PDB file of N, CA and C in Angstrom:
ATOM      1  N   MET A   1       0.809  -1.204   0.000  1.00  0.00           N
ATOM      2  CA  MET A   1       0.000   0.000   0.000  1.00  0.00           C
ATOM      3  C   MET A   1       0.855   1.272   0.000  1.00  0.00           C
ATOM      4  N   LEU A   2       2.086   1.166   0.478  1.00  0.00           N
ATOM      5  CA  LEU A   2       2.940   2.350   0.531  1.00  0.00           C
ATOM      6  C   LEU A   2       3.561   2.679  -0.825  1.00  0.00           C
ATOM      7  N   LEU A   3       3.576   1.706  -1.734  1.00  0.00           N
ATOM      8  CA  LEU A   3       4.198   1.939  -3.046  1.00  0.00           C
ATOM      9  C   LEU A   3       3.584   3.118  -3.790  1.00  0.00           C
ATOM     10  N   PRO A   4       2.262   3.201  -3.952  1.00  0.00           N
ATOM     11  CA  PRO A   4       1.708   4.361  -4.665  1.00  0.00           C
ATOM     12  C   PRO A   4       2.004   5.688  -3.967  1.00  0.00           C
ATOM     13  N   ILE A   5       2.026   5.669  -2.634  1.00  0.00           N
ATOM     14  CA  ILE A   5       2.325   6.897  -1.893  1.00  0.00           C
ATOM     15  C   ILE A   5       3.759   7.334  -2.141  1.00  0.00           C
ATOM     16  N   ALA A   6       4.692   6.384  -2.107  1.00  0.00           N
ATOM     17  CA  ALA A   6       6.102   6.707  -2.363  1.00  0.00           C
ATOM     18  C   ALA A   6       6.290   7.201  -3.799  1.00  0.00           C
ATOM     19  N   CYS A   7       5.623   6.563  -4.743  1.00  0.00           N
ATOM     20  CA  CYS A   7       5.725   6.987  -6.144  1.00  0.00           C
ATOM     21  C   CYS A   7       5.155   8.396  -6.328  1.00  0.00           C
ATOM     22  N   TRP A   8       4.047   8.660  -5.697  1.00  0.00           N
ATOM     23  CA  TRP A   8       3.437   9.995  -5.784  1.00  0.00           C
ATOM     24  C   TRP A   8       4.374  11.044  -5.196  1.00  0.00           C
ATOM     25  N   ARG A   9       4.990  10.729  -4.056  1.00  0.00           N
ATOM     26  CA  ARG A   9       5.930  11.662  -3.420  1.00  0.00           C
ATOM     27  C   ARG A   9       7.117  11.957  -4.352  1.00  0.00           C
ATOM     28  N   ASP A  10       7.640  10.916  -5.001  1.00  0.00           N
ATOM     29  CA  ASP A  10       8.736  11.116  -5.952  1.00  0.00           C
ATOM     30  C   ASP A  10       8.294  11.969  -7.138  1.00  0.00           C
ATOM     31  N   ASP A  11       7.088  11.716  -7.639  1.00  0.00           N
ATOM     32  CA  ASP A  11       6.569  12.511  -8.760  1.00  0.00           C
ATOM     33  C   ASP A  11       6.440  13.983  -8.393  1.00  0.00           C
ATOM     34  N   VAL A  12       5.971  14.249  -7.185  1.00  0.00           N
ATOM     35  CA  VAL A  12       5.836  15.637  -6.729  1.00  0.00           C
ATOM     36  C   VAL A  12       7.206  16.303  -6.674  1.00  0.00           C
ATOM     37  N   ALA A  13       8.216  15.598  -6.161  1.00  0.00           N
ATOM     38  CA  ALA A  13       9.569  16.158  -6.092  1.00  0.00           C
ATOM     39  C   ALA A  13      10.111  16.458  -7.482  1.00  0.00           C
ATOM     40  N   ILE A  14       9.883  15.568  -8.428  1.00  0.00           N
ATOM     41  CA  ILE A  14      10.353  15.779  -9.799  1.00  0.00           C
ATOM     42  C   ILE A  14       9.643  16.975 -10.421  1.00  0.00           C
ATOM     43  N   GLU A  15       8.338  17.057 -10.257  1.00  0.00           N
ATOM     44  CA  GLU A  15       7.570  18.144 -10.870  1.00  0.00           C
ATOM     45  C   GLU A  15       7.872  19.503 -10.246  1.00  0.00           C
ATOM     46  N   ARG A  16       8.308  19.516  -9.011  1.00  0.00           N
ATOM     47  CA  ARG A  16       8.624  20.768  -8.327  1.00  0.00           C
ATOM     48  C   ARG A  16       9.851  21.446  -8.946  1.00  0.00           C
ATOM     49  N   SER A  17      10.822  20.651  -9.416  1.00  0.00           N
ATOM     50  CA  SER A  17      12.059  21.194  -9.981  1.00  0.00           C
ATOM     51  C   SER A  17      12.493  20.309 -11.145  1.00  0.00           C
ATOM     52  N   MET A  18      11.679  20.304 -12.206  1.00  0.00           N
ATOM     53  CA  MET A  18      11.854  19.339 -13.285  1.00  0.00           C
ATOM     54  C   MET A  18      12.921  19.740 -14.296  1.00  0.00           C
ATOM     55  N   GLY A  19      13.754  18.772 -14.600  1.00  0.00           N
ATOM     56  CA  GLY A  19      14.674  18.874 -15.715  1.00  0.00           C
ATOM     57  C   GLY A  19      14.345  17.748 -16.686  1.00  0.00           C
ATOM     58  N   GLN A  20      14.707  17.930 -17.947  1.00  0.00           N
ATOM     59  CA  GLN A  20      14.429  16.902 -18.946  1.00  0.00           C
ATOM     60  C   GLN A  20      15.694  16.597 -19.710  1.00  0.00           C
ATOM     61  N   ALA A  21      15.808  15.331 -20.144  1.00  0.00           N
ATOM     62  CA  ALA A  21      16.986  14.914 -20.894  1.00  0.00           C
ATOM     63  C   ALA A  21      16.630  13.672 -21.697  1.00  0.00           C
ATOM     64  N   VAL A  22      17.531  13.311 -22.586  1.00  0.00           N
ATOM     65  CA  VAL A  22      17.419  12.038 -23.296  1.00  0.00           C
ATOM     66  C   VAL A  22      18.459  11.117 -22.677  1.00  0.00           C
ATOM     67  N   ALA A  23      18.013   9.944 -22.244  1.00  0.00           N
ATOM     68  CA  ALA A  23      18.888   8.995 -21.569  1.00  0.00           C
ATOM     69  C   ALA A  23      19.065   7.743 -22.410  1.00  0.00           C
ATOM     70  N   GLN A  24      20.190   7.097 -22.222  1.00  0.00           N
ATOM     71  CA  GLN A  24      20.439   5.814 -22.864  1.00  0.00           C
ATOM     72  C   GLN A  24      20.286   4.738 -21.802  1.00  0.00           C
ATOM     73  N   VAL A  25      19.591   3.656 -22.133  1.00  0.00           N
ATOM     74  CA  VAL A  25      19.401   2.543 -21.208  1.00  0.00           C
ATOM     75  C   VAL A  25      20.666   1.690 -21.246  1.00  0.00           C
ATOM     76  N   ASP A  26      21.340   1.582 -20.087  1.00  0.00           N
ATOM     77  CA  ASP A  26      22.590   0.821 -19.998  1.00  0.00           C
ATOM     78  C   ASP A  26      22.372  -0.633 -19.599  1.00  0.00           C
ATOM     79  N   SER A  27      21.431  -0.882 -18.686  1.00  0.00           N
ATOM     80  CA  SER A  27      21.158  -2.269 -18.288  1.00  0.00           C
ATOM     81  C   SER A  27      19.733  -2.381 -17.768  1.00  0.00           C
ATOM     82  N   VAL A  28      19.189  -3.571 -17.932  1.00  0.00           N
ATOM     83  CA  VAL A  28      17.831  -3.866 -17.473  1.00  0.00           C
ATOM     84  C   VAL A  28      17.893  -5.164 -16.682  1.00  0.00           C
ATOM     85  N   SER A  29      17.419  -5.130 -15.441  1.00  0.00           N
ATOM     86  CA  SER A  29      17.341  -6.340 -14.628  1.00  0.00           C
ATOM     87  C   SER A  29      15.995  -6.353 -13.909  1.00  0.00           C
ATOM     88  N   PHE A  30      15.771  -7.388 -13.126  1.00  0.00           N
ATOM     89  CA  PHE A  30      14.492  -7.530 -12.439  1.00  0.00           C
ATOM     90  C   PHE A  30      14.208  -6.356 -11.508  1.00  0.00           C
ATOM     91  N   ASN A  31      15.222  -5.916 -10.766  1.00  0.00           N
ATOM     92  CA  ASN A  31      14.963  -4.916  -9.737  1.00  0.00           C
ATOM     93  C   ASN A  31      15.350  -3.488 -10.095  1.00  0.00           C
ATOM     94  N   ARG A  32      16.004  -3.260 -11.221  1.00  0.00           N
ATOM     95  CA  ARG A  32      16.283  -1.874 -11.615  1.00  0.00           C
ATOM     96  C   ARG A  32      16.714  -1.795 -13.067  1.00  0.00           C
ATOM     97  N   THR A  33      16.453  -0.623 -13.640  1.00  0.00           N
ATOM     98  CA  THR A  33      16.872  -0.315 -14.999  1.00  0.00           C
ATOM     99  C   THR A  33      17.788   0.899 -14.912  1.00  0.00           C
ATOM    100  N   VAL A  34      19.025   0.727 -15.363  1.00  0.00           N
ATOM    101  CA  VAL A  34      20.028   1.786 -15.257  1.00  0.00           C
ATOM    102  C   VAL A  34      20.055   2.594 -16.547  1.00  0.00           C
ATOM    103  N   VAL A  35      19.984   3.916 -16.392  1.00  0.00           N
ATOM    104  CA  VAL A  35      20.075   4.826 -17.533  1.00  0.00           C
ATOM    105  C   VAL A  35      21.222   5.797 -17.294  1.00  0.00           C
ATOM    106  N   ARG A  36      21.655   6.425 -18.370  1.00  0.00           N
ATOM    107  CA  ARG A  36      22.719   7.427 -18.311  1.00  0.00           C
ATOM    108  C   ARG A  36      22.262   8.621 -19.133  1.00  0.00           C
ATOM    109  N   TYR A  37      22.375   9.821 -18.544  1.00  0.00           N
ATOM    110  CA  TYR A  37      22.007  11.034 -19.267  1.00  0.00           C
ATOM    111  C   TYR A  37      22.877  12.188 -18.822  1.00  0.00           C
ATOM    112  N   ALA A  38      22.909  13.225 -19.636  1.00  0.00           N
ATOM    113  CA  ALA A  38      23.699  14.419 -19.329  1.00  0.00           C
ATOM    114  C   ALA A  38      22.764  15.571 -18.991  1.00  0.00           C
ATOM    115  N   THR A  39      23.132  16.334 -17.969  1.00  0.00           N
ATOM    116  CA  THR A  39      22.373  17.521 -17.588  1.00  0.00           C
ATOM    117  C   THR A  39      22.873  18.704 -18.426  1.00  0.00           C
ATOM    118  N   PRO A  40      22.131  19.797 -18.483  1.00  0.00           N
ATOM    119  CA  PRO A  40      22.563  20.954 -19.281  1.00  0.00           C
ATOM    120  C   PRO A  40      23.933  21.511 -18.869  1.00  0.00           C
ATOM    121  N   ASP A  41      24.323  21.309 -17.613  1.00  0.00           N
ATOM    122  CA  ASP A  41      25.632  21.802 -17.185  1.00  0.00           C
ATOM    123  C   ASP A  41      26.768  20.820 -17.492  1.00  0.00           C
ATOM    124  N   GLY A  42      26.461  19.731 -18.198  1.00  0.00           N
ATOM    125  CA  GLY A  42      27.484  18.801 -18.665  1.00  0.00           C
ATOM    126  C   GLY A  42      27.756  17.607 -17.760  1.00  0.00           C
ATOM    127  N   ARG A  43      27.090  17.538 -16.617  1.00  0.00           N
ATOM    128  CA  ARG A  43      27.293  16.377 -15.743  1.00  0.00           C
ATOM    129  C   ARG A  43      26.600  15.155 -16.326  1.00  0.00           C
ATOM    130  N   VAL A  44      27.258  14.011 -16.233  1.00  0.00           N
ATOM    131  CA  VAL A  44      26.653  12.750 -16.655  1.00  0.00           C
ATOM    132  C   VAL A  44      26.087  12.088 -15.404  1.00  0.00           C
ATOM    133  N   ILE A  45      24.809  11.775 -15.457  1.00  0.00           N
ATOM    134  CA  ILE A  45      24.097  11.205 -14.315  1.00  0.00           C
ATOM    135  C   ILE A  45      23.734   9.758 -14.621  1.00  0.00           C
ATOM    136  N   ILE A  46      24.044   8.878 -13.659  1.00  0.00           N
ATOM    137  CA  ILE A  46      23.629   7.477 -13.707  1.00  0.00           C
ATOM    138  C   ILE A  46      22.968   7.187 -12.360  1.00  0.00           C
ATOM    139  N   PRO A  47      21.635   7.304 -12.283  1.00  0.00           N
ATOM    140  CA  PRO A  47      20.956   7.108 -10.992  1.00  0.00           C
ATOM    141  C   PRO A  47      21.254   5.716 -10.407  1.00  0.00           C
ATOM    142  N   SER A  48      21.756   5.689  -9.188  1.00  0.00           N
ATOM    143  CA  SER A  48      22.169   4.429  -8.566  1.00  0.00           C
ATOM    144  C   SER A  48      20.989   3.482  -8.326  1.00  0.00           C
ATOM    145  N   GLN A  49      19.805   4.019  -8.107  1.00  0.00           N
ATOM    146  CA  GLN A  49      18.622   3.177  -7.889  1.00  0.00           C
ATOM    147  C   GLN A  49      17.869   2.883  -9.179  1.00  0.00           C
ATOM    148  N   GLY A  50      18.367   3.384 -10.290  1.00  0.00           N
ATOM    149  CA  GLY A  50      17.698   3.174 -11.563  1.00  0.00           C
ATOM    150  C   GLY A  50      16.646   4.236 -11.828  1.00  0.00           C
ATOM    151  N   VAL A  51      15.881   4.013 -12.869  1.00  0.00           N
ATOM    152  CA  VAL A  51      14.869   4.963 -13.308  1.00  0.00           C
ATOM    153  C   VAL A  51      13.490   4.473 -12.857  1.00  0.00           C
ATOM    154  N   LEU A  52      12.603   5.410 -12.521  1.00  0.00           N
ATOM    155  CA  LEU A  52      11.239   5.053 -12.143  1.00  0.00           C
ATOM    156  C   LEU A  52      10.409   4.722 -13.385  1.00  0.00           C
ATOM    157  N   TYR A  53       9.508   3.767 -13.251  1.00  0.00           N
ATOM    158  CA  TYR A  53       8.553   3.372 -14.298  1.00  0.00           C
ATOM    159  C   TYR A  53       9.251   2.908 -15.581  1.00  0.00           C
ATOM    160  N   PRO A  54      10.130   1.882 -15.483  1.00  0.00           N
ATOM    161  CA  PRO A  54      10.932   1.473 -16.636  1.00  0.00           C
ATOM    162  C   PRO A  54      10.298   0.444 -17.569  1.00  0.00           C
ATOM    163  N   ALA A  55       9.055   0.100 -17.380  1.00  0.00           N
ATOM    164  CA  ALA A  55       8.435  -0.978 -18.153  1.00  0.00           C
ATOM    165  C   ALA A  55       8.660  -0.813 -19.656  1.00  0.00           C
ATOM    166  N   GLY A  56       9.085  -1.900 -20.286  1.00  0.00           N
ATOM    167  CA  GLY A  56       9.231  -1.921 -21.733  1.00  0.00           C
ATOM    168  C   GLY A  56      10.550  -1.404 -22.270  1.00  0.00           C
ATOM    169  N   LEU A  57      11.463  -0.984 -21.415  1.00  0.00           N
ATOM    170  CA  LEU A  57      12.745  -0.467 -21.900  1.00  0.00           C
ATOM    171  C   LEU A  57      13.705  -1.611 -22.187  1.00  0.00           C
ATOM    172  N   GLN A  58      14.541  -1.419 -23.191  1.00  0.00           N
ATOM    173  CA  GLN A  58      15.546  -2.412 -23.595  1.00  0.00           C
ATOM    174  C   GLN A  58      16.918  -1.763 -23.562  1.00  0.00           C
ATOM    175  N   VAL A  59      17.946  -2.564 -23.336  1.00  0.00           N
ATOM    176  CA  VAL A  59      19.315  -2.049 -23.345  1.00  0.00           C
ATOM    177  C   VAL A  59      19.593  -1.403 -24.703  1.00  0.00           C
ATOM    178  N   GLY A  60      20.166  -0.210 -24.675  1.00  0.00           N
ATOM    179  CA  GLY A  60      20.490   0.523 -25.891  1.00  0.00           C
ATOM    180  C   GLY A  60      19.425   1.514 -26.329  1.00  0.00           C
ATOM    181  N   ASP A  61      18.233   1.419 -25.747  1.00  0.00           N
ATOM    182  CA  ASP A  61      17.171   2.375 -26.096  1.00  0.00           C
ATOM    183  C   ASP A  61      17.567   3.785 -25.669  1.00  0.00           C
ATOM    184  N   ASN A  62      17.127   4.759 -26.425  1.00  0.00           N
ATOM    185  CA  ASN A  62      17.189   6.159 -26.008  1.00  0.00           C
ATOM    186  C   ASN A  62      15.781   6.542 -25.588  1.00  0.00           C
ATOM    187  N   VAL A  63      15.669   7.119 -24.397  1.00  0.00           N
ATOM    188  CA  VAL A  63      14.363   7.423 -23.837  1.00  0.00           C
ATOM    189  C   VAL A  63      14.406   8.797 -23.181  1.00  0.00           C
ATOM    190  N   ARG A  64      13.312   9.531 -23.314  1.00  0.00           N
ATOM    191  CA  ARG A  64      13.223  10.839 -22.643  1.00  0.00           C
ATOM    192  C   ARG A  64      12.965  10.598 -21.166  1.00  0.00           C
ATOM    193  N   VAL A  65      13.682  11.336 -20.318  1.00  0.00           N
ATOM    194  CA  VAL A  65      13.499  11.229 -18.876  1.00  0.00           C
ATOM    195  C   VAL A  65      13.236  12.600 -18.277  1.00  0.00           C
ATOM    196  N   GLU A  66      12.608  12.579 -17.126  1.00  0.00           N
ATOM    197  CA  GLU A  66      12.381  13.785 -16.321  1.00  0.00           C
ATOM    198  C   GLU A  66      13.055  13.526 -14.981  1.00  0.00           C
ATOM    199  N   TYR A  67      13.724  14.539 -14.456  1.00  0.00           N
ATOM    200  CA  TYR A  67      14.450  14.345 -13.203  1.00  0.00           C
ATOM    201  C   TYR A  67      14.309  15.572 -12.315  1.00  0.00           C
ATOM    202  N   ASP A  68      14.568  15.354 -11.040  1.00  0.00           N
ATOM    203  CA  ASP A  68      14.558  16.428 -10.048  1.00  0.00           C
ATOM    204  C   ASP A  68      15.899  17.145 -10.149  1.00  0.00           C
ATOM    205  N   GLN A  69      15.896  18.413 -10.522  1.00  0.00           N
ATOM    206  CA  GLN A  69      17.146  19.153 -10.700  1.00  0.00           C
ATOM    207  C   GLN A  69      17.918  19.304  -9.397  1.00  0.00           C
ATOM    208  N   THR A  70      17.229  19.267  -8.270  1.00  0.00           N
ATOM    209  CA  THR A  70      17.932  19.362  -6.988  1.00  0.00           C
ATOM    210  C   THR A  70      18.480  18.013  -6.539  1.00  0.00           C
ATOM    211  N   ASN A  71      17.991  16.926  -7.145  1.00  0.00           N
ATOM    212  CA  ASN A  71      18.447  15.572  -6.842  1.00  0.00           C
ATOM    213  C   ASN A  71      18.344  14.733  -8.108  1.00  0.00           C
ATOM    214  N   PRO A  72      19.316  14.836  -9.025  1.00  0.00           N
ATOM    215  CA  PRO A  72      19.233  14.135 -10.305  1.00  0.00           C
ATOM    216  C   PRO A  72      19.164  12.606 -10.194  1.00  0.00           C
ATOM    217  N   GLU A  73      19.444  12.078  -9.002  1.00  0.00           N
ATOM    218  CA  GLU A  73      19.295  10.635  -8.788  1.00  0.00           C
ATOM    219  C   GLU A  73      17.831  10.215  -8.910  1.00  0.00           C
ATOM    220  N   LEU A  74      16.912  11.147  -8.710  1.00  0.00           N
ATOM    221  CA  LEU A  74      15.475  10.884  -8.786  1.00  0.00           C
ATOM    222  C   LEU A  74      15.026  11.145 -10.224  1.00  0.00           C
ATOM    223  N   THR A  75      14.901  10.074 -10.984  1.00  0.00           N
ATOM    224  CA  THR A  75      14.645  10.166 -12.421  1.00  0.00           C
ATOM    225  C   THR A  75      13.516   9.218 -12.809  1.00  0.00           C
ATOM    226  N   ARG A  76      12.637   9.675 -13.695  1.00  0.00           N
ATOM    227  CA  ARG A  76      11.560   8.817 -14.198  1.00  0.00           C
ATOM    228  C   ARG A  76      11.510   8.917 -15.713  1.00  0.00           C
ATOM    229  N   VAL A  77      10.902   7.915 -16.332  1.00  0.00           N
ATOM    230  CA  VAL A  77      10.664   7.960 -17.768  1.00  0.00           C
ATOM    231  C   VAL A  77       9.623   9.039 -18.022  1.00  0.00           C
ATOM    232  N   ALA A  78       9.868   9.910 -18.986  1.00  0.00           N
ATOM    233  CA  ALA A  78       8.976  11.036 -19.266  1.00  0.00           C
ATOM    234  C   ALA A  78       7.569  10.547 -19.598  1.00  0.00           C
ATOM    235  N   GLY A  79       6.598  11.241 -19.028  1.00  0.00           N
ATOM    236  CA  GLY A  79       5.198  10.947 -19.307  1.00  0.00           C
ATOM    237  C   GLY A  79       4.605   9.851 -18.449  1.00  0.00           C
ATOM    238  N   ARG A  80       5.406   9.193 -17.631  1.00  0.00           N
ATOM    239  CA  ARG A  80       4.895   8.132 -16.767  1.00  0.00           C
ATOM    240  C   ARG A  80       4.786   8.663 -15.342  1.00  0.00           C
ATOM    241  N   THR A  81       3.742   8.235 -14.640  1.00  0.00           N
ATOM    242  CA  THR A  81       3.499   8.747 -13.290  1.00  0.00           C
ATOM    243  C   THR A  81       3.155   7.614 -12.328  1.00  0.00           C
ATOM    244  N   ALA A  82       2.851   7.988 -11.105  1.00  0.00           N
ATOM    245  CA  ALA A  82       2.525   7.031 -10.047  1.00  0.00           C
ATOM    246  C   ALA A  82       1.284   6.196 -10.365  1.00  0.00           C
ATOM    247  N   VAL A  83       0.480   6.624 -11.300  1.00  0.00           N
ATOM    248  CA  VAL A  83      -0.697   5.836 -11.683  1.00  0.00           C
ATOM    249  C   VAL A  83      -0.280   4.424 -12.098  1.00  0.00           C
ATOM    250  N   LEU A  84       0.915   4.288 -12.672  1.00  0.00           N
ATOM    251  CA  LEU A  84       1.394   2.973 -13.095  1.00  0.00           C
ATOM    252  C   LEU A  84       1.648   2.034 -11.921  1.00  0.00           C
ATOM    253  N   SER A  85       1.806   2.569 -10.729  1.00  0.00           N
ATOM    254  CA  SER A  85       2.042   1.719  -9.558  1.00  0.00           C
ATOM    255  C   SER A  85       0.747   1.091  -9.041  1.00  0.00           C
ATOM    256  N   LEU A  86      -0.397   1.577  -9.485  1.00  0.00           N
ATOM    257  CA  LEU A  86      -1.669   1.057  -8.991  1.00  0.00           C
ATOM    258  C   LEU A  86      -1.959  -0.355  -9.489  1.00  0.00           C
ATOM    259  N   LEU A  87      -1.535  -0.705 -10.703  1.00  0.00           N
ATOM    260  CA  LEU A  87      -1.799  -2.037 -11.246  1.00  0.00           C
ATOM    261  C   LEU A  87      -1.106  -3.131 -10.437  1.00  0.00           C
ATOM    262  N   PRO A  88       0.209  -3.042 -10.170  1.00  0.00           N
ATOM    263  CA  PRO A  88       0.814  -4.114  -9.375  1.00  0.00           C
ATOM    264  C   PRO A  88       0.254  -4.197  -7.951  1.00  0.00           C
ATOM    265  N   VAL A  89      -0.028  -3.070  -7.349  1.00  0.00           N
ATOM    266  CA  VAL A  89      -0.589  -3.077  -5.998  1.00  0.00           C
ATOM    267  C   VAL A  89      -1.978  -3.698  -6.026  1.00  0.00           C
ATOM    268  N   GLY A  90      -2.802  -3.306  -6.985  1.00  0.00           N
ATOM    269  CA  GLY A  90      -4.142  -3.872  -7.105  1.00  0.00           C
ATOM    270  C   GLY A  90      -4.113  -5.367  -7.367  1.00  0.00           C
ATOM    271  N   THR A  91      -3.213  -5.806  -8.227  1.00  0.00           N
ATOM    272  CA  THR A  91      -3.077  -7.230  -8.528  1.00  0.00           C
ATOM    273  C   THR A  91      -2.665  -8.005  -7.278  1.00  0.00           C
ATOM    274  N   PHE A  92      -1.744  -7.449  -6.520  1.00  0.00           N
ATOM    275  CA  PHE A  92      -1.308  -8.094  -5.283  1.00  0.00           C
ATOM    276  C   PHE A  92      -2.470  -8.226  -4.303  1.00  0.00           C
ATOM    277  N   LEU A  93      -3.237  -7.153  -4.123  1.00  0.00           N
ATOM    278  CA  LEU A  93      -4.361  -7.192  -3.179  1.00  0.00           C
ATOM    279  C   LEU A  93      -5.421  -8.207  -3.607  1.00  0.00           C
ATOM    280  N   VAL A  94      -5.703  -8.284  -4.888  1.00  0.00           N
ATOM    281  CA  VAL A  94      -6.673  -9.266  -5.389  1.00  0.00           C
ATOM    282  C   VAL A  94      -6.155 -10.681  -5.111  1.00  0.00           C
ATOM    283  N   ALA A  95      -4.869 -10.927  -5.354  1.00  0.00           N
ATOM    284  CA  ALA A  95      -4.288 -12.255  -5.108  1.00  0.00           C
ATOM    285  C   ALA A  95      -4.372 -12.624  -3.634  1.00  0.00           C
ATOM    286  N   VAL A  96      -4.104 -11.672  -2.752  1.00  0.00           N
ATOM    287  CA  VAL A  96      -4.186 -11.935  -1.309  1.00  0.00           C
ATOM    288  C   VAL A  96      -5.610 -12.311  -0.928  1.00  0.00           C
ATOM    289  N   TRP A  97      -6.585 -11.580  -1.442  1.00  0.00           N
ATOM    290  CA  TRP A  97      -7.974 -11.888  -1.094  1.00  0.00           C
ATOM    291  C   TRP A  97      -8.410 -13.236  -1.665  1.00  0.00           C
ATOM    292  N   ILE A  98      -7.910 -13.620  -2.806  1.00  0.00           N
ATOM    293  CA  ILE A  98      -8.235 -14.940  -3.366  1.00  0.00           C
ATOM    294  C   ILE A  98      -7.670 -16.045  -2.481  1.00  0.00           C
ATOM    295  N   VAL A  99      -6.438 -15.874  -2.025  1.00  0.00           N
ATOM    296  CA  VAL A  99      -5.824 -16.870  -1.135  1.00  0.00           C
ATOM    297  C   VAL A  99      -6.589 -16.943   0.180  1.00  0.00           C
ATOM    298  N   ILE A 100      -6.938 -15.812   0.756  1.00  0.00           N
ATOM    299  CA  ILE A 100      -7.701 -15.798   2.013  1.00  0.00           C
ATOM    300  C   ILE A 100      -9.049 -16.494   1.827  1.00  0.00           C
ATOM    301  N   ALA A 101      -9.742 -16.199   0.731  1.00  0.00           N
ATOM    302  CA  ALA A 101     -11.035 -16.835   0.467  1.00  0.00           C
ATOM    303  C   ALA A 101     -10.880 -18.347   0.309  1.00  0.00           C
ATOM    304  N   ALA A 102      -9.822 -18.783  -0.354  1.00  0.00           N
ATOM    305  CA  ALA A 102      -9.592 -20.219  -0.536  1.00  0.00           C
ATOM    306  C   ALA A 102      -9.313 -20.898   0.804  1.00  0.00           C
ATOM    307  N   VAL A 103      -8.497 -20.285   1.643  1.00  0.00           N
ATOM    308  CA  VAL A 103      -8.183 -20.860   2.954  1.00  0.00           C
ATOM    309  C   VAL A 103      -9.444 -20.937   3.813  1.00  0.00           C
ATOM    310  N   VAL A 104     -10.242 -19.886   3.848  1.00  0.00           N
ATOM    311  CA  VAL A 104     -11.475 -19.884   4.632  1.00  0.00           C
ATOM    312  C   VAL A 104     -12.428 -20.960   4.126  1.00  0.00           C
ATOM    313  N   THR A 105     -12.540 -21.109   2.811  1.00  0.00           N
ATOM    314  CA  THR A 105     -13.416 -22.130   2.231  1.00  0.00           C
ATOM    315  C   THR A 105     -12.972 -23.528   2.637  1.00  0.00           C
ATOM    316  N   VAL A 106     -11.678 -23.798   2.572  1.00  0.00           N
ATOM    317  CA  VAL A 106     -11.152 -25.119   2.950  1.00  0.00           C
ATOM    318  C   VAL A 106     -11.374 -25.371   4.430  1.00  0.00           C
ATOM    319  N   LEU A 107     -11.108 -24.375   5.267  1.00  0.00           N
ATOM    320  CA  LEU A 107     -11.304 -24.542   6.705  1.00  0.00           C
ATOM    321  C   LEU A 107     -12.770 -24.802   7.034  1.00  0.00           C
ATOM    322  N   ARG A 108     -13.664 -24.108   6.402  1.00  0.00           N
ATOM    323  CA  ARG A 108     -15.100 -24.323   6.637  1.00  0.00           C
ATOM    324  C   ARG A 108     -15.543 -25.698   6.151  1.00  0.00           C
ATOM    325  N   ARG A 109     -14.978 -26.152   5.065  1.00  0.00           N
ATOM    326  CA  ARG A 109     -15.327 -27.469   4.529  1.00  0.00           C
ATOM    327  C   ARG A 109     -14.967 -28.571   5.517  1.00  0.00           C
ATOM    328  N   PHE A 110     -13.875 -28.403   6.250  1.00  0.00           N
ATOM    329  CA  PHE A 110     -13.450 -29.373   7.243  1.00  0.00           C
ATOM    330  C   PHE A 110     -14.096 -29.131   8.609  1.00  0.00           C
ATOM    331  N   GLY A 111     -15.035 -28.197   8.663  1.00  0.00           N
ATOM    332  CA  GLY A 111     -15.807 -27.970   9.853  1.00  0.00           C
ATOM    333  C   GLY A 111     -15.135 -27.124  10.912  1.00  0.00           C
ATOM    334  N   LEU A 112     -14.065 -26.443  10.581  1.00  0.00           N
ATOM    335  CA  LEU A 112     -13.409 -25.590  11.552  1.00  0.00           C
ATOM    336  C   LEU A 112     -14.074 -24.229  11.546  1.00  0.00           C
ATOM    337  N   GLN A 113     -14.221 -23.656  12.732  1.00  0.00           N
ATOM    338  CA  GLN A 113     -14.847 -22.352  12.861  1.00  0.00           C
ATOM    339  C   GLN A 113     -13.826 -21.249  12.516  1.00  0.00           C
ATOM    340  N   VAL A 114     -14.187 -20.349  11.577  1.00  0.00           N
ATOM    341  CA  VAL A 114     -13.296 -19.263  11.194  1.00  0.00           C
ATOM    342  C   VAL A 114     -13.936 -17.946  11.556  1.00  0.00           C
TER     343      VAL A 114
END
């Protein structure tokens, strides 16, 4: 449940002091997607935690990113927002309720009081 809140907080920080750049995707793994981009002052930024909302990116892709100018480590794929975090959270909650319903059904079938 905290994931959408954290994503929203990051989006607010980015929008408060937004910079834009074109980034190259350096690596894609299960837990993070690493990008590299240059800021207008010539610094090359490689966010250590990866980029936010990386779905569909491939190594070697060039992608537009938006970042917090006061903290360039906070970077997201341009045009993507915290709304994308609602699908995995919703899917997880539905799965939990299905498991709970199955356990309750089995327990009731065996005559145990739930």
